[in-house]
Amino acid sequence: MSKQNPKPGDFCWNELVTTNVPAAKKFYTSLLGWKTKPFDKGMVDYTIIQNGKADKQGMGGIMKCPVPGNPAQWIPYILVADVDATVKKAKKLRGKIFMPPFDIPTVGRIAVLADPQGAAFGIIKPMM
């Protein structure tokens, strides 16, 4: 998590899904001075983005786009108290479910949604 003591409703993580991970890492580290490190806890080829030495947990991640043909994009994540309940509520409010709820070992439970206008965002309940 990138923000100290985030609460439900806070943006807490930013994820870049891209068609070219090495090029994205080179671009953002060169442009913004970000550091990257591999994440080796349950996900293949996931890179943690760090903004300086003090940012040990990271502020986001980079991964290859899991859907061939989709464009590169940033996906902001919002902290929620219950991923499954939030997905149900989003459906009732005419939101779209791009990735239904699933668990990431050592991280937490996530889903990727879109609002009725198509803006994508993720939700997460971290492991405690």
Protein backbone atom coordinates (compact mmCIF):
# COMPACT_ATOMS: atom_id res chain seq x y z
CA MET A 1 0.00 0.00 0.00
CA SER A 2 1.32 3.38 -0.89
CA LYS A 3 -0.49 5.58 1.64
CA GLN A 4 0.10 5.36 5.37
CA ASN A 5 -3.04 4.14 7.15
CA PRO A 6 -5.41 4.25 4.17
CA LYS A 7 -9.11 3.90 4.94
CA PRO A 8 -11.99 2.58 2.81
CA GLY A 9 -12.63 4.95 -0.06
CA ASP A 10 -8.99 6.05 -0.37
CA PHE A 11 -6.98 5.51 -3.52
CA CYS A 12 -4.13 3.31 -2.35
CA TRP A 13 -2.33 1.67 -5.31
CA ASN A 14 -1.65 2.39 -8.99
CA GLU A 15 -1.05 -0.37 -11.48
CA LEU A 16 0.23 -0.08 -15.02
CA VAL A 17 -0.83 -2.89 -17.32
CA THR A 18 1.28 -2.67 -20.44
CA THR A 19 2.19 -4.48 -23.61
CA ASN A 20 5.92 -3.93 -22.98
CA VAL A 21 7.05 -4.15 -19.34
CA PRO A 22 10.80 -3.55 -19.97
CA ALA A 23 10.06 -0.42 -22.02
CA ALA A 24 7.62 0.89 -19.41
CA LYS A 25 10.13 0.34 -16.59
CA LYS A 26 12.83 2.16 -18.56
CA PHE A 27 10.51 5.07 -19.41
CA TYR A 28 9.20 5.70 -15.89
CA THR A 29 12.48 5.15 -14.07
CA SER A 30 14.23 7.53 -16.49
CA LEU A 31 11.46 10.12 -16.54
CA LEU A 32 10.51 10.23 -12.84
CA GLY A 33 13.43 8.63 -11.04
CA TRP A 34 11.26 5.78 -9.77
CA LYS A 35 12.89 2.55 -8.63
CA THR A 36 11.57 -0.90 -9.43
CA LYS A 37 11.92 -4.28 -7.81
CA PRO A 38 10.46 -7.69 -8.63
CA PHE A 39 7.51 -8.92 -6.62
CA ASP A 40 8.07 -12.58 -5.90
CA LYS A 41 5.10 -13.38 -3.69
CA GLY A 42 2.51 -15.17 -5.77
CA MET A 43 2.52 -13.33 -9.07
CA VAL A 44 4.70 -14.05 -12.06
CA ASP A 45 6.45 -11.10 -13.69
CA TYR A 46 5.09 -8.37 -11.46
CA THR A 47 7.21 -5.31 -10.72
CA ILE A 48 6.80 -3.03 -7.70
CA ILE A 49 7.26 0.71 -8.28
CA GLN A 50 8.98 2.69 -5.54
CA ASN A 51 9.31 6.44 -5.24
CA GLY A 52 12.58 6.81 -3.38
CA LYS A 53 14.23 4.77 -0.65
CA ALA A 54 11.61 5.56 2.01
CA ASP A 55 8.87 3.93 -0.08
CA LYS A 56 9.64 0.33 0.91
CA GLN A 57 6.20 -1.16 0.17
CA GLY A 58 5.83 0.59 -3.14
CA MET A 59 3.26 2.91 -4.60
CA GLY A 60 2.19 0.73 -7.47
CA GLY A 61 3.10 -2.00 -9.87
CA ILE A 62 3.74 -2.86 -13.49
CA MET A 63 2.56 -6.01 -15.22
CA LYS A 64 1.98 -7.35 -18.71
CA CYS A 65 -1.59 -6.78 -19.82
CA PRO A 66 -3.48 -10.04 -19.12
CA VAL A 67 -5.89 -9.51 -22.03
CA PRO A 68 -4.18 -9.68 -25.44
CA GLY A 69 -5.10 -6.73 -27.63
CA ASN A 70 -6.01 -4.39 -24.76
CA PRO A 71 -4.09 -1.11 -24.69
CA ALA A 72 -1.64 -0.12 -21.99
CA GLN A 73 -3.36 1.75 -19.17
CA TRP A 74 -3.04 2.83 -15.56
CA ILE A 75 -5.55 1.32 -13.13
CA PRO A 76 -5.99 3.07 -9.78
CA TYR A 77 -7.02 0.90 -6.82
CA ILE A 78 -9.40 1.98 -4.08
CA LEU A 79 -9.40 0.42 -0.62
CA VAL A 80 -12.70 -1.23 0.36
CA ALA A 81 -13.88 -3.07 3.47
CA ASP A 82 -15.36 -5.98 1.48
CA VAL A 83 -14.46 -6.71 -2.15
CA ASP A 84 -17.34 -9.12 -2.80
CA ALA A 85 -19.97 -6.79 -1.35
CA THR A 86 -18.55 -3.87 -3.33
CA VAL A 87 -18.72 -5.88 -6.56
CA LYS A 88 -22.37 -6.78 -5.87
CA LYS A 89 -23.19 -3.13 -5.22
CA ALA A 90 -21.36 -2.03 -8.40
CA LYS A 91 -23.46 -4.49 -10.44
CA LYS A 92 -26.67 -3.02 -8.95
CA LEU A 93 -25.42 0.45 -9.90
CA ARG A 94 -24.82 -0.69 -13.52
CA GLY A 95 -21.04 -0.96 -13.16
CA LYS A 96 -19.10 -3.51 -15.19
CA ILE A 97 -16.95 -6.29 -13.75
CA PHE A 98 -13.72 -6.70 -15.73
CA MET A 99 -12.09 -9.12 -13.28
CA PRO A 100 -14.26 -10.72 -10.60
CA PRO A 101 -12.95 -10.94 -7.03
CA PHE A 102 -9.90 -13.10 -6.47
CA ASP A 103 -7.18 -13.52 -3.87
CA ILE A 104 -3.51 -12.70 -4.35
CA PRO A 105 -1.38 -14.59 -1.81
CA THR A 106 0.26 -12.29 0.76
CA VAL A 107 -1.50 -9.24 -0.74
CA GLY A 108 -5.27 -9.48 -0.36
CA ARG A 109 -8.49 -9.72 -2.35
CA ILE A 110 -9.00 -7.60 -5.47
CA ALA A 111 -11.35 -7.04 -8.39
CA VAL A 112 -11.28 -4.72 -11.41
CA LEU A 113 -14.45 -2.83 -12.27
CA ALA A 114 -15.68 0.01 -14.46
CA ASP A 115 -18.24 2.66 -13.76
CA PRO A 116 -21.31 2.91 -16.06
CA GLN A 117 -19.37 5.28 -18.33
CA GLY A 118 -16.52 2.76 -18.74
CA ALA A 119 -13.80 4.24 -16.47
CA ALA A 120 -11.76 1.34 -15.08
CA PHE A 121 -10.61 1.06 -11.47
CA GLY A 122 -9.58 -1.65 -9.07
CA ILE A 123 -10.71 -2.37 -5.55
CA ILE A 124 -8.68 -4.08 -2.86
CA LYS A 125 -8.99 -5.36 0.67
CA PRO A 126 -5.44 -6.02 1.85
CA MET A 127 -4.53 -8.96 4.01
CA MET A 128 -4.12 -7.90 7.59
